[in-house]
Protein backbone atom coordinates (compact mmCIF):
# COMPACT_ATOMS: atom_id res chain seq x y z
CA UNK A 1 24.40 -50.75 13.71
CA UNK A 2 21.76 -52.50 11.52
CA UNK A 3 18.22 -50.61 11.42
CA UNK A 4 16.40 -53.33 13.80
CA UNK A 5 19.32 -53.03 16.26
CA UNK A 6 18.61 -49.34 16.85
CA UNK A 7 14.97 -49.78 16.81
CA UNK A 8 15.63 -52.29 19.64
CA UNK A 9 18.06 -49.78 21.51
CA UNK A 10 15.45 -46.95 21.01
CA UNK A 11 12.78 -49.28 22.57
CA UNK A 12 15.13 -50.03 25.59
CA UNK A 13 15.56 -46.29 26.16
CA UNK A 14 11.65 -45.53 26.23
CA UNK A 15 11.01 -48.42 28.36
CA UNK A 16 13.65 -47.08 30.91
CA UNK A 17 11.79 -43.49 30.66
CA UNK A 18 8.52 -44.66 30.95
CA UNK A 19 8.27 -44.89 34.98
CA UNK A 20 10.35 -41.29 34.92
CA UNK A 21 7.76 -39.76 32.66
CA UNK A 22 4.63 -41.44 34.36
CA UNK A 23 2.16 -38.64 35.30
CA UNK A 24 3.87 -35.97 33.21
CA UNK A 25 3.16 -34.02 30.35
CA UNK A 26 6.66 -34.41 29.05
CA UNK A 27 7.50 -36.56 25.97
CA UNK A 28 10.79 -38.05 24.99
CA UNK A 29 12.23 -37.99 21.35
CA UNK A 30 15.23 -40.55 21.76
CA UNK A 31 17.83 -39.76 19.09
CA UNK A 32 20.82 -42.12 18.64
CA UNK A 33 24.18 -40.97 17.41
CA UNK A 34 27.48 -42.62 16.64
CA UNK A 35 30.16 -41.00 19.01
CA UNK A 36 32.95 -39.22 16.84
CA UNK A 37 35.35 -40.91 19.00
CA UNK A 38 35.00 -44.75 18.86
CA UNK A 39 36.71 -44.90 22.24
CA UNK A 40 33.47 -43.55 24.12
CA UNK A 41 31.22 -46.48 22.74
CA UNK A 42 29.17 -47.44 19.71
CA UNK A 43 25.88 -45.36 20.70
CA UNK A 44 25.56 -41.92 22.34
CA UNK A 45 22.48 -40.34 23.47
CA UNK A 46 21.71 -37.15 25.27
CA UNK A 47 18.05 -37.79 26.17
CA UNK A 48 18.85 -37.05 29.59
CA UNK A 49 20.35 -33.62 29.09
CA UNK A 50 17.18 -33.10 27.02
CA UNK A 51 14.59 -34.03 29.60
CA UNK A 52 16.47 -33.02 32.96
CA UNK A 53 15.15 -29.27 32.81
CA UNK A 54 11.50 -30.33 32.09
CA UNK A 55 11.72 -32.96 34.76
CA UNK A 56 13.33 -30.56 37.19
CA UNK A 57 16.25 -33.12 37.69
CA UNK A 58 19.98 -33.21 37.54
CA UNK A 59 20.92 -34.69 34.09
CA UNK A 60 23.61 -36.85 35.51
CA UNK A 61 21.52 -38.56 38.17
CA UNK A 62 18.69 -38.74 35.46
CA UNK A 63 21.43 -40.63 33.29
CA UNK A 64 22.29 -42.83 35.97
CA UNK A 65 18.52 -43.79 36.58
CA UNK A 66 18.11 -44.36 32.80
CA UNK A 67 21.17 -46.62 32.56
CA UNK A 68 20.15 -48.81 35.58
CA UNK A 69 16.77 -49.46 34.02
CA UNK A 70 18.30 -50.03 30.51
CA UNK A 71 20.78 -52.75 31.78
CA UNK A 72 18.23 -54.50 33.92
CA UNK A 73 16.11 -54.99 30.85
CA UNK A 74 16.37 -58.52 29.65
CA UNK A 75 15.36 -57.43 26.23
CA UNK A 76 18.88 -55.81 25.87
CA UNK A 77 20.73 -59.14 26.55
CA UNK A 78 22.85 -60.03 23.83
CA UNK A 79 22.54 -56.37 22.32
CA UNK A 80 23.93 -53.86 24.84
CA UNK A 81 27.41 -54.90 26.59
CA UNK A 82 27.72 -52.00 28.77
CA UNK A 83 26.71 -48.37 29.42
CA UNK A 84 28.37 -45.41 30.75
CA UNK A 85 27.90 -41.70 31.48
CA UNK A 86 30.10 -38.94 30.29
CA UNK A 87 30.44 -35.34 30.93
CA UNK A 88 27.15 -33.62 32.26
CA UNK A 89 24.63 -36.38 31.39
CA UNK A 90 25.58 -38.27 28.03
CA UNK A 91 24.96 -42.02 27.73
CA UNK A 92 27.51 -44.11 25.96
CA UNK A 93 26.33 -47.67 25.02
CA UNK A 94 28.74 -50.30 23.86
CA UNK A 95 26.79 -53.17 21.74
CA UNK A 96 27.80 -56.96 22.10
CA UNK A 97 30.39 -58.53 19.65
CA UNK A 98 27.58 -60.76 18.34
CA UNK A 99 25.31 -57.70 17.81
CA UNK A 100 28.21 -56.20 15.48
CA UNK A 101 28.85 -59.31 13.64
CA UNK A 102 25.33 -59.87 12.83
CA UNK A 103 25.98 -57.60 9.68
CA UNK A 104 27.78 -60.19 8.08
CA UNK A 105 24.86 -62.53 7.74
CA UNK A 106 22.42 -59.66 6.86
CA UNK A 107 24.53 -58.87 3.88
CA UNK A 108 25.00 -62.53 2.94
CA UNK A 109 21.13 -63.07 2.99
CA UNK A 110 20.08 -59.91 1.24
CA UNK A 111 23.22 -59.60 -1.48
CA UNK A 112 22.19 -56.90 -3.85
CA UNK A 113 19.23 -55.84 -1.85
CA UNK A 114 21.35 -54.91 1.28
CA UNK A 115 21.09 -51.49 1.97
CA UNK A 116 17.82 -50.87 0.10
CA UNK A 117 14.87 -49.67 1.91
CA UNK A 118 10.76 -49.30 1.06
CA UNK A 119 10.46 -45.75 2.49
CA UNK A 120 9.81 -44.25 -0.72
CA UNK A 121 7.40 -47.13 -1.84
CA UNK A 122 4.25 -45.60 -3.79
CA UNK A 123 5.78 -42.28 -4.34
CA UNK A 124 6.56 -40.99 -7.73
CA UNK A 125 9.95 -38.75 -8.28
CA UNK A 126 11.38 -37.31 -11.58
CA UNK A 127 14.84 -36.41 -11.93
CA UNK A 128 15.79 -34.23 -14.71
CA UNK A 129 19.44 -34.20 -15.84
CA UNK A 130 22.04 -33.38 -18.74
CA UNK A 131 18.89 -31.62 -20.72
CA UNK A 132 21.38 -30.14 -23.09
CA UNK A 133 20.67 -27.71 -26.08
CA UNK A 134 21.09 -29.89 -29.10
CA UNK A 135 23.74 -27.91 -30.56
CA UNK A 136 26.69 -29.51 -29.98
CA UNK A 137 28.73 -32.52 -28.29
CA UNK A 138 27.93 -32.80 -24.39
CA UNK A 139 30.55 -31.21 -22.72
CA UNK A 140 32.23 -32.25 -19.08
CA UNK A 141 29.79 -30.17 -17.37
CA UNK A 142 27.04 -32.03 -18.94
CA UNK A 143 28.94 -35.13 -17.67
CA UNK A 144 29.22 -34.17 -14.08
CA UNK A 145 25.20 -33.59 -14.42
CA UNK A 146 24.94 -37.11 -15.90
CA UNK A 147 26.84 -38.87 -13.22
CA UNK A 148 25.06 -36.71 -10.52
CA UNK A 149 21.89 -37.30 -11.88
CA UNK A 150 22.08 -41.07 -12.79
CA UNK A 151 23.36 -41.94 -9.15
CA UNK A 152 20.64 -39.55 -7.46
CA UNK A 153 18.25 -41.54 -9.39
CA UNK A 154 19.79 -44.93 -8.24
CA UNK A 155 19.83 -43.67 -4.91
CA UNK A 156 15.92 -42.80 -4.66
CA UNK A 157 15.23 -46.14 -6.51
CA UNK A 158 17.11 -47.62 -3.76
CA UNK A 159 14.83 -46.32 -1.53
CA UNK A 160 11.80 -47.67 -3.03
CA UNK A 161 10.72 -44.64 -5.24
CA UNK A 162 9.51 -45.08 -8.56
CA UNK A 163 11.85 -42.85 -10.27
CA UNK A 164 11.54 -41.30 -13.93
CA UNK A 165 14.95 -40.26 -15.78
CA UNK A 166 14.10 -37.22 -17.88
CA UNK A 167 15.93 -35.56 -20.32
CA UNK A 168 14.42 -31.89 -21.58
CA UNK A 169 15.57 -30.79 -24.84
CA UNK A 170 15.86 -27.09 -25.40
CA UNK A 171 14.75 -27.52 -28.99
CA UNK A 172 13.67 -23.87 -29.64
CA UNK A 173 14.83 -20.60 -29.44
CA UNK A 174 17.84 -18.50 -30.63
CA UNK A 175 20.42 -21.16 -30.26
CA UNK A 176 18.84 -23.42 -32.54
CA UNK A 177 18.57 -20.92 -35.39
CA UNK A 178 22.26 -19.97 -34.38
CA UNK A 179 23.03 -23.82 -35.41
CA UNK A 180 20.92 -23.74 -38.54
CA UNK A 181 22.67 -20.77 -39.78
CA UNK A 182 25.91 -22.36 -38.75
CA UNK A 183 25.66 -25.51 -40.70
CA UNK A 184 23.96 -23.55 -43.60
CA UNK A 185 27.33 -21.33 -43.92
CA UNK A 186 29.60 -24.57 -43.81
CA UNK A 187 27.30 -26.09 -46.65
CA UNK A 188 27.92 -22.96 -48.76
CA UNK A 189 31.45 -23.58 -48.33
CA UNK A 190 32.29 -20.81 -45.70
CA UNK A 191 34.47 -21.66 -42.67
CA UNK A 192 35.52 -19.94 -39.39
CA UNK A 193 37.49 -16.72 -40.24
CA UNK A 194 36.03 -16.14 -43.56
CA UNK A 195 34.44 -12.63 -43.85
CA UNK A 196 30.91 -14.37 -44.62
CA UNK A 197 31.27 -16.69 -41.56
CA UNK A 198 28.40 -15.49 -39.22
CA UNK A 199 29.78 -13.91 -36.21
CA UNK A 200 27.67 -15.76 -33.74
CA UNK A 201 28.19 -19.08 -35.20
CA UNK A 202 29.33 -22.15 -34.06
CA UNK A 203 32.90 -23.01 -35.12
CA UNK A 204 33.52 -26.61 -33.98
CA UNK A 205 34.62 -29.27 -36.80
CA UNK A 206 31.21 -30.87 -35.77
CA UNK A 207 29.23 -28.24 -37.86
CA UNK A 208 31.40 -29.19 -41.04
CA UNK A 209 30.26 -32.90 -40.36
CA UNK A 210 26.62 -32.09 -40.01
CA UNK A 211 26.82 -29.79 -43.44
CA UNK A 212 28.64 -32.45 -45.38
CA UNK A 213 25.97 -35.14 -44.26
CA UNK A 214 23.30 -32.73 -45.08
CA UNK A 215 24.55 -31.96 -48.66
CA UNK A 216 24.79 -36.01 -49.06
CA UNK A 217 21.06 -36.13 -48.34
CA UNK A 218 21.63 -38.68 -45.45
CA UNK A 219 19.05 -39.71 -42.89
CA UNK A 220 19.60 -39.43 -39.41
CA UNK A 221 17.48 -40.22 -36.15
CA UNK A 222 17.64 -39.65 -32.51
CA UNK A 223 16.52 -42.46 -29.86
CA UNK A 224 13.24 -41.48 -29.37
CA UNK A 225 12.04 -39.51 -32.65
CA UNK A 226 11.11 -39.52 -36.29
CA UNK A 227 14.15 -39.80 -38.62
CA UNK A 228 15.19 -36.53 -40.29
CA UNK A 229 16.36 -36.80 -44.20
CA UNK A 230 18.18 -34.00 -45.23
CA UNK A 231 16.85 -32.14 -48.55
CA UNK A 232 20.47 -31.18 -49.65
CA UNK A 233 19.26 -27.70 -50.47
CA UNK A 234 21.21 -25.14 -49.08
CA UNK A 235 18.75 -22.58 -48.87
CA UNK A 236 16.13 -24.95 -47.19
CA UNK A 237 16.96 -23.55 -43.73
CA UNK A 238 14.06 -25.82 -42.46
CA UNK A 239 15.23 -28.77 -43.56
CA UNK A 240 18.87 -27.61 -42.18
CA UNK A 241 17.39 -26.90 -38.84
CA UNK A 242 15.55 -30.41 -38.54
CA UNK A 243 18.47 -32.32 -39.78
CA UNK A 244 21.00 -30.53 -37.55
CA UNK A 245 19.02 -30.84 -34.51
CA UNK A 246 18.19 -34.62 -35.16
CA UNK A 247 21.94 -35.23 -35.90
CA UNK A 248 23.26 -33.58 -32.66
CA UNK A 249 20.62 -35.46 -30.65
CA UNK A 250 21.94 -38.83 -32.07
CA UNK A 251 25.11 -37.66 -31.27
CA UNK A 252 24.57 -36.99 -27.54
CA UNK A 253 22.36 -40.27 -27.47
CA UNK A 254 26.14 -41.91 -28.54
CA UNK A 255 27.87 -39.95 -25.78
CA UNK A 256 25.35 -41.27 -23.11
CA UNK A 257 25.71 -44.43 -24.30
CA UNK A 258 29.36 -44.61 -23.72
CA UNK A 259 28.60 -43.21 -20.38
CA UNK A 260 26.18 -46.00 -19.61
CA UNK A 261 23.33 -43.27 -18.88
CA UNK A 262 19.98 -44.29 -20.02
CA UNK A 263 16.70 -41.73 -19.75
CA UNK A 264 12.97 -43.20 -19.27
CA UNK A 265 11.78 -40.32 -21.22
CA UNK A 266 12.81 -37.23 -23.44
CA UNK A 267 10.61 -34.02 -23.36
CA UNK A 268 11.11 -31.50 -26.07
CA UNK A 269 10.84 -27.73 -25.30
CA UNK A 270 8.94 -27.34 -28.65
CA UNK A 271 6.16 -29.21 -27.66
CA UNK A 272 5.08 -26.99 -24.98
CA UNK A 273 4.62 -24.30 -27.50
CA UNK A 274 3.02 -26.58 -30.14
CA UNK A 275 0.62 -28.14 -27.48
CA UNK A 276 -0.28 -24.68 -26.28
CA UNK A 277 1.15 -25.41 -22.61
CA UNK A 278 2.82 -22.19 -22.68
CA UNK A 279 0.22 -19.96 -23.52
CA UNK A 280 -2.19 -21.99 -21.29
CA UNK A 281 0.40 -21.19 -18.49
CA UNK A 282 0.55 -17.52 -19.22
CA UNK A 283 -3.19 -16.97 -19.64
CA UNK A 284 -3.67 -18.68 -16.21
CA UNK A 285 -1.16 -16.30 -14.45
CA UNK A 286 -2.81 -13.11 -16.24
CA UNK A 287 -6.19 -14.42 -15.21
CA UNK A 288 -5.18 -14.90 -11.56
CA UNK A 289 -4.15 -11.26 -11.56
CA UNK A 290 -0.28 -12.16 -11.11
CA UNK A 291 0.83 -10.19 -14.20
CA UNK A 292 0.96 -6.59 -15.24
CA UNK A 293 1.87 -4.77 -18.17
CA UNK A 294 4.39 -2.09 -18.25
CA UNK A 295 6.47 -0.53 -21.16
CA UNK A 296 4.88 -2.98 -23.52
CA UNK A 297 6.07 -5.95 -21.77
CA UNK A 298 4.15 -8.21 -19.49
CA UNK A 299 5.60 -8.86 -16.15
CA UNK A 300 5.27 -11.73 -13.17
CA UNK A 301 4.88 -10.44 -9.74
CA UNK A 302 7.61 -13.02 -8.49
CA UNK A 303 8.35 -10.47 -5.75
CA UNK A 304 5.19 -11.73 -4.00
CA UNK A 305 6.66 -15.03 -3.62
CA UNK A 306 10.12 -13.93 -2.23
CA UNK A 307 12.34 -12.77 -5.38
CA UNK A 308 14.17 -9.83 -5.24
CA UNK A 309 12.00 -8.10 -8.27
CA UNK A 310 9.52 -8.81 -10.60
CA UNK A 311 10.33 -10.70 -13.95
CA UNK A 312 9.42 -10.09 -17.63
CA UNK A 313 7.50 -12.86 -19.03
CA UNK A 314 6.94 -11.54 -22.16
CA UNK A 315 8.91 -9.10 -24.07
CA UNK A 316 7.84 -6.26 -26.07
CA UNK A 317 8.65 -8.15 -29.20
CA UNK A 318 6.03 -10.73 -28.22
CA UNK A 319 8.55 -13.31 -27.29
CA UNK A 320 8.72 -15.24 -23.88
CA UNK A 321 11.63 -15.09 -21.69
CA UNK A 322 13.47 -18.28 -21.08
CA UNK A 323 11.85 -18.91 -17.76
CA UNK A 324 8.34 -19.06 -18.88
CA UNK A 325 8.35 -22.43 -20.81
CA UNK A 326 10.26 -23.76 -17.59
CA UNK A 327 7.07 -22.68 -15.77
CA UNK A 328 4.82 -24.58 -18.30
CA UNK A 329 7.19 -27.53 -18.30
CA UNK A 330 7.17 -28.12 -14.49
CA UNK A 331 3.24 -27.45 -14.34
CA UNK A 332 3.10 -30.75 -16.99
CA UNK A 333 5.45 -32.48 -14.33
CA UNK A 334 3.26 -32.05 -11.45
CA UNK A 335 0.22 -32.78 -13.54
CA UNK A 336 1.93 -36.12 -14.52
CA UNK A 337 1.79 -37.09 -10.71
CA UNK A 338 5.66 -36.20 -9.55
CA UNK A 339 4.91 -34.94 -6.16
CA UNK A 340 8.84 -34.63 -6.15
CA UNK A 341 10.74 -33.11 -9.02
CA UNK A 342 14.67 -32.69 -9.00
CA UNK A 343 16.65 -30.89 -11.35
CA UNK A 344 20.19 -31.32 -11.69
CA UNK A 345 21.61 -28.28 -13.42
CA UNK A 346 24.89 -25.89 -13.77
CA UNK A 347 25.09 -23.21 -11.08
CA UNK A 348 24.45 -20.59 -13.63
CA UNK A 349 20.75 -21.56 -13.49
CA UNK A 350 20.65 -20.36 -9.84
CA UNK A 351 18.89 -17.27 -10.97
CA UNK A 352 15.85 -19.16 -12.47
CA UNK A 353 14.98 -20.94 -9.03
CA UNK A 354 13.00 -18.20 -7.55
CA UNK A 355 11.23 -17.14 -10.57
CA UNK A 356 10.22 -20.66 -11.73
CA UNK A 357 8.93 -21.52 -7.89
CA UNK A 358 7.12 -18.23 -8.05
CA UNK A 359 5.17 -18.94 -11.51
CA UNK A 360 4.37 -22.41 -10.11
CA UNK A 361 2.88 -20.78 -6.84
CA UNK A 362 1.08 -18.00 -8.62
CA UNK A 363 -0.99 -20.47 -10.68
CA UNK A 364 -2.36 -21.93 -7.79
CA UNK A 365 -2.56 -25.43 -8.74
CA UNK A 366 -1.61 -26.72 -5.43
CA UNK A 367 1.89 -27.03 -6.39
CA UNK A 368 4.03 -27.47 -3.01
CA UNK A 369 6.23 -24.67 -2.12
CA UNK A 370 9.83 -25.33 -2.98
CA UNK A 371 8.76 -27.47 -6.19
CA UNK A 372 11.07 -28.53 -7.72
CA UNK A 373 14.11 -29.39 -5.80
CA UNK A 374 17.29 -28.51 -7.31
CA UNK A 375 21.09 -29.90 -7.53
CA UNK A 376 23.41 -27.21 -8.91
CA UNK A 377 26.87 -28.38 -9.58
CA UNK A 378 29.86 -26.15 -10.71
CA UNK A 379 31.84 -26.51 -13.71
CA UNK A 380 34.45 -28.83 -14.12
CA UNK A 381 38.27 -28.08 -14.78
CA UNK A 382 40.05 -30.58 -16.94
CA UNK A 383 43.96 -31.20 -16.57
CA UNK A 384 46.13 -33.43 -18.84
CA UNK A 385 49.91 -33.86 -18.93
CA UNK A 386 50.02 -31.34 -16.23
CA UNK A 387 48.16 -28.58 -17.92
CA UNK A 388 44.29 -27.30 -18.36
CA UNK A 389 42.68 -28.64 -21.30
CA UNK A 390 40.19 -25.61 -22.55
CA UNK A 391 39.48 -26.75 -26.25
CA UNK A 392 38.43 -29.72 -27.82
CA UNK A 393 39.17 -29.51 -31.65
CA UNK A 394 35.89 -31.20 -32.56
CA UNK A 395 33.57 -29.07 -30.24
CA UNK A 396 35.73 -25.90 -31.00
CA UNK A 397 35.41 -24.43 -27.54
CA UNK A 398 35.24 -27.36 -25.01
CA UNK A 399 36.28 -30.44 -23.70
CA UNK A 400 33.65 -33.16 -24.47
CA UNK A 401 32.39 -36.08 -22.66
CA UNK A 402 33.75 -38.17 -25.10
CA UNK A 403 37.07 -36.85 -24.90
CA UNK A 404 37.19 -37.27 -21.17
CA UNK A 405 36.01 -40.97 -21.26
CA UNK A 406 38.71 -42.05 -23.93
CA UNK A 407 41.53 -40.05 -22.40
CA UNK A 408 40.68 -41.39 -18.71
CA UNK A 409 40.68 -44.97 -20.21
CA UNK A 410 43.78 -44.59 -22.33
CA UNK A 411 41.49 -45.81 -24.98
CA UNK A 412 39.64 -48.36 -23.09
CA UNK A 413 35.85 -46.94 -22.98
CA UNK A 414 34.88 -49.28 -20.07
CA UNK A 415 37.80 -48.10 -17.80
CA UNK A 416 37.27 -44.44 -18.85
CA UNK A 417 33.37 -44.45 -17.91
CA UNK A 418 34.43 -45.97 -14.81
CA UNK A 419 36.95 -43.36 -13.84
CA UNK A 420 34.90 -40.50 -15.20
CA UNK A 421 31.69 -41.58 -13.33
CA UNK A 422 33.48 -42.13 -9.87
CA UNK A 423 35.38 -38.71 -10.21
CA UNK A 424 32.44 -36.73 -11.04
CA UNK A 425 30.68 -37.59 -7.94
CA UNK A 426 33.25 -37.53 -5.55
CA UNK A 427 32.83 -34.15 -4.61
CA UNK A 428 29.89 -32.03 -3.41
CA UNK A 429 27.86 -30.88 -6.54
CA UNK A 430 28.31 -27.32 -5.28
CA UNK A 431 32.23 -27.31 -5.17
CA UNK A 432 34.49 -26.68 -7.89
CA UNK A 433 36.13 -29.96 -9.35
CA UNK A 434 39.62 -30.28 -10.94
CA UNK A 435 39.48 -33.54 -12.83
CA UNK A 436 43.22 -34.71 -13.74
CA UNK A 437 43.24 -37.36 -16.49
CA UNK A 438 46.88 -38.30 -15.30
CA UNK A 439 45.38 -39.16 -12.02
CA UNK A 440 42.45 -41.19 -13.67
CA UNK A 441 45.24 -43.39 -15.30
CA UNK A 442 47.15 -44.16 -12.41
CA UNK A 443 47.41 -47.81 -11.15
CA UNK A 444 48.00 -46.78 -7.61
CA UNK A 445 46.19 -45.54 -4.37
CA UNK A 446 46.40 -41.97 -5.87
CA UNK A 447 43.64 -43.01 -8.24
CA UNK A 448 40.19 -43.51 -5.97
CA UNK A 449 38.37 -45.36 -8.49
CA UNK A 450 41.42 -47.91 -8.86
CA UNK A 451 41.68 -47.91 -4.99
CA UNK A 452 38.23 -48.97 -4.52
CA UNK A 453 38.10 -51.50 -7.55
CA UNK A 454 41.37 -52.95 -6.23
CA UNK A 455 39.71 -53.84 -2.78
CA UNK A 456 36.82 -55.70 -4.61
CA UNK A 457 39.79 -57.47 -6.88
CA UNK A 458 41.79 -58.22 -3.69
CA UNK A 459 38.95 -59.94 -2.13
CA UNK A 460 38.24 -61.97 -5.26
CA UNK A 461 41.89 -63.17 -5.17
CA UNK A 462 41.61 -64.19 -1.52
CA UNK A 463 38.22 -66.28 -2.15
CA UNK A 464 40.02 -68.02 -5.55
CA UNK A 465 43.06 -68.88 -3.28
CA UNK A 466 40.75 -70.58 -0.83
CA UNK A 467 38.77 -72.24 -3.54
CA UNK A 468 35.85 -73.11 -1.58
CA UNK A 469 32.05 -72.45 -1.83
CA UNK A 470 30.98 -69.16 -0.96
CA UNK A 471 27.61 -70.36 -0.25
CA UNK A 472 28.54 -72.77 2.35
CA UNK A 473 29.99 -69.41 4.45
CA UNK A 474 26.13 -68.27 5.24
CA UNK A 475 25.37 -69.08 8.93
CA UNK A 476 29.08 -69.76 10.08
CA UNK A 477 30.10 -68.85 13.63
CA UNK A 478 31.24 -65.22 13.51
CA UNK A 479 32.29 -65.01 17.04
CA UNK A 480 35.92 -64.88 16.18
CA UNK A 481 35.64 -61.58 14.53
CA UNK A 482 37.13 -59.41 17.23
CA UNK A 483 40.40 -57.89 15.99
CA UNK A 484 40.09 -54.00 15.75
CA UNK A 485 40.49 -54.09 11.75
CA UNK A 486 37.67 -56.53 12.06
CA UNK A 487 35.54 -54.36 14.16
CA UNK A 488 35.97 -51.47 12.05
CA UNK A 489 35.07 -53.12 8.80
CA UNK A 490 32.11 -54.34 10.76
CA UNK A 491 31.00 -51.03 11.72
CA UNK A 492 31.64 -49.84 8.30
CA UNK A 493 29.37 -52.41 6.46
CA UNK A 494 26.58 -51.75 9.02
CA UNK A 495 26.57 -47.94 8.17
CA UNK A 496 25.97 -48.67 4.61
CA UNK A 497 22.03 -48.59 4.63
CA UNK A 498 22.10 -45.27 6.82
CA UNK A 499 24.62 -43.68 4.47
CA UNK A 500 22.27 -44.60 1.55
CA UNK A 501 19.09 -43.29 3.28
CA UNK A 502 21.14 -39.80 4.15
CA UNK A 503 22.59 -39.36 0.68
CA UNK A 504 18.89 -39.70 -1.05
CA UNK A 505 17.43 -37.41 1.86
CA UNK A 506 20.04 -34.75 1.39
CA UNK A 507 20.48 -35.22 -2.53
CA UNK A 508 24.01 -35.93 -2.20
CA UNK A 509 25.20 -38.86 -4.16
CA UNK A 510 28.74 -37.90 -3.47
CA UNK A 511 28.40 -39.47 -0.26
CA UNK A 512 28.31 -42.75 -2.05
CA UNK A 513 31.78 -42.23 -3.42
CA UNK A 514 33.04 -41.09 0.34
CA UNK A 515 31.86 -43.98 1.60
CA UNK A 516 33.17 -46.55 -0.98
CA UNK A 517 36.83 -45.12 -0.18
CA UNK A 518 36.40 -45.64 3.16
CA UNK A 519 35.14 -49.20 3.19
CA UNK A 520 37.81 -49.59 0.63
CA UNK A 521 40.62 -48.02 2.91
CA UNK A 522 39.22 -50.02 5.89
CA UNK A 523 39.49 -53.47 3.76
CA UNK A 524 42.98 -52.79 2.78
CA UNK A 525 43.90 -52.11 6.50
CA UNK A 526 42.34 -55.17 7.54
CA UNK A 527 44.63 -57.05 4.65
CA UNK A 528 47.90 -55.95 5.93
CA UNK A 529 46.81 -56.37 9.70
CA UNK A 530 45.29 -59.82 9.75
CA UNK A 531 45.71 -63.10 7.60
CA UNK A 532 42.76 -64.47 6.05
CA UNK A 533 43.55 -67.97 5.14
CA UNK A 534 45.16 -69.08 8.48
CA UNK A 535 45.13 -72.67 9.96
CA UNK A 536 42.49 -71.83 12.66
CA UNK A 537 39.58 -73.33 10.62
CA UNK A 538 36.87 -71.34 12.80
CA UNK A 539 38.78 -68.06 12.26
CA UNK A 540 39.45 -68.56 8.66
CA UNK A 541 35.67 -69.34 7.77
CA UNK A 542 34.52 -66.10 10.00
CA UNK A 543 36.98 -63.86 7.94
CA UNK A 544 36.14 -65.38 4.79
CA UNK A 545 32.44 -64.61 5.68
CA UNK A 546 33.34 -61.15 6.33
CA UNK A 547 35.36 -60.68 2.94
CA UNK A 548 32.44 -61.80 1.17
CA UNK A 549 30.24 -59.34 2.78
CA UNK A 550 32.57 -56.72 2.18
CA UNK A 551 32.65 -57.68 -1.34
CA UNK A 552 29.09 -57.50 -1.81
CA UNK A 553 29.01 -54.11 -0.34
CA UNK A 554 31.53 -52.75 -2.56
CA UNK A 555 29.85 -54.26 -5.57
CA UNK A 556 26.40 -52.67 -4.16
CA UNK A 557 27.69 -49.22 -3.85
CA UNK A 558 29.89 -49.19 -6.99
CA UNK A 559 26.72 -50.58 -8.96
CA UNK A 560 24.84 -47.77 -7.65
CA UNK A 561 26.85 -44.95 -9.24
CA UNK A 562 27.32 -46.98 -12.49
CA UNK A 563 30.94 -48.20 -11.92
CA UNK A 564 32.17 -51.76 -12.53
CA UNK A 565 33.45 -54.13 -9.85
CA UNK A 566 36.38 -56.10 -11.74
CA UNK A 567 37.14 -59.44 -10.33
CA UNK A 568 41.00 -58.76 -11.53
CA UNK A 569 43.15 -55.83 -11.81
């Protein structure tokens, strides 16, 4: 049902309960649910069972009284068709055909805005995702983060939130020095396997590409930073480091562009040190009495906040452990006005959650408990030609996002992007996922993104065969839409707004992919059960209106997850 219809039915229940609750201190929280078995009705409510004990009444007798009052209320005419009582006191309602059909006009009137809400208006949320070290191309795990994070950002935007998509660059630390050493070794003419090749070096071909451009004194720039010009001096490790980091940031920019993902802001880990944010956070924790010295190291009392043991902040050599800049970074997020922060990260980051949250509570700046939220995802196994693919020649040890896009589209980047985006949000983030490139290339029901896109194209073909003006379908008589397959489509369309709200609240963009597959399945079932372009003009126009509404919701859902809605397949 549509939101306003739920509100009206809730009001009917409350009106029916008013005389029963009069003079008592009992309150009623009316919750409407969708019956698991459609044959039981359209709406289920267990309010009679909830209140019976408090009112010292038999639940079935109470349900009978509620139903009688509800059906007698003239406000329910045109909305509630019938009501019955099941089991110990469940109340099942059936809504009228006209109420079910109303969703078509709602979709036609609202268009691309159908399903959206203003529930989060005035609230700021920052969603950080990908955040890859600038030490190599983006791998498929980063791709899953990109798909999840971008879809989650769109979900929050659809609920009225002001969303900032942020990429956090870990451009400080051991890995960056390893990158510089690797490029320097290549620039000196060494390669993997040589005796002089550093044991911890990165072995991918991209290191050789960076070294070649460094020696050629080329200039590179990332999307948000200053250009870096190579000195060409193999002994100038600072120039090598700056050039390599900027080079790979630019590479990652191109990967993300191919994936259709854009960020509002890029934040550098190095800036936390340069601006004194890390030292400030540590000093605040020390002054608050939340730290102690032991064996030459500085420890944070994270056990005070639910961690299983205290954690080292500053090691005996004076360097900070990796969670300390994370605490400083999230202090900055909170101070920037983001009352909600969400991090999309790999499941290997699970251990940092407790210590980052503990650090944020310990600084006592009013950061809410449970800040930030986390969406942790498991890694992706890539299958191609029936075998697992583990190595990309260019990356040296993993499959890159660009590899996956190119393979999945058969060379067509747009097609590959659609497949990768849809596939990578089609499971809950915390479940393992096998990405089968062979399935992504299929033009059949086995390929879920093709299945959904074909539903959209199928409707476009129907409308093309009709040849009329879609705008004339607004307000047509929808009364003929009573066939079972039509009722199923109508119910699925009406469920779209609730699905979006639930997916946003549960941080579960996979629900959008589930929904789109269900809607596509119901459209295909309708297509094989009924004809649209029939001789009966009233029925034809009603079905055409239903088709246009279905096409619009398919478009809305696909756009939200960054997948195209082609008119032809």
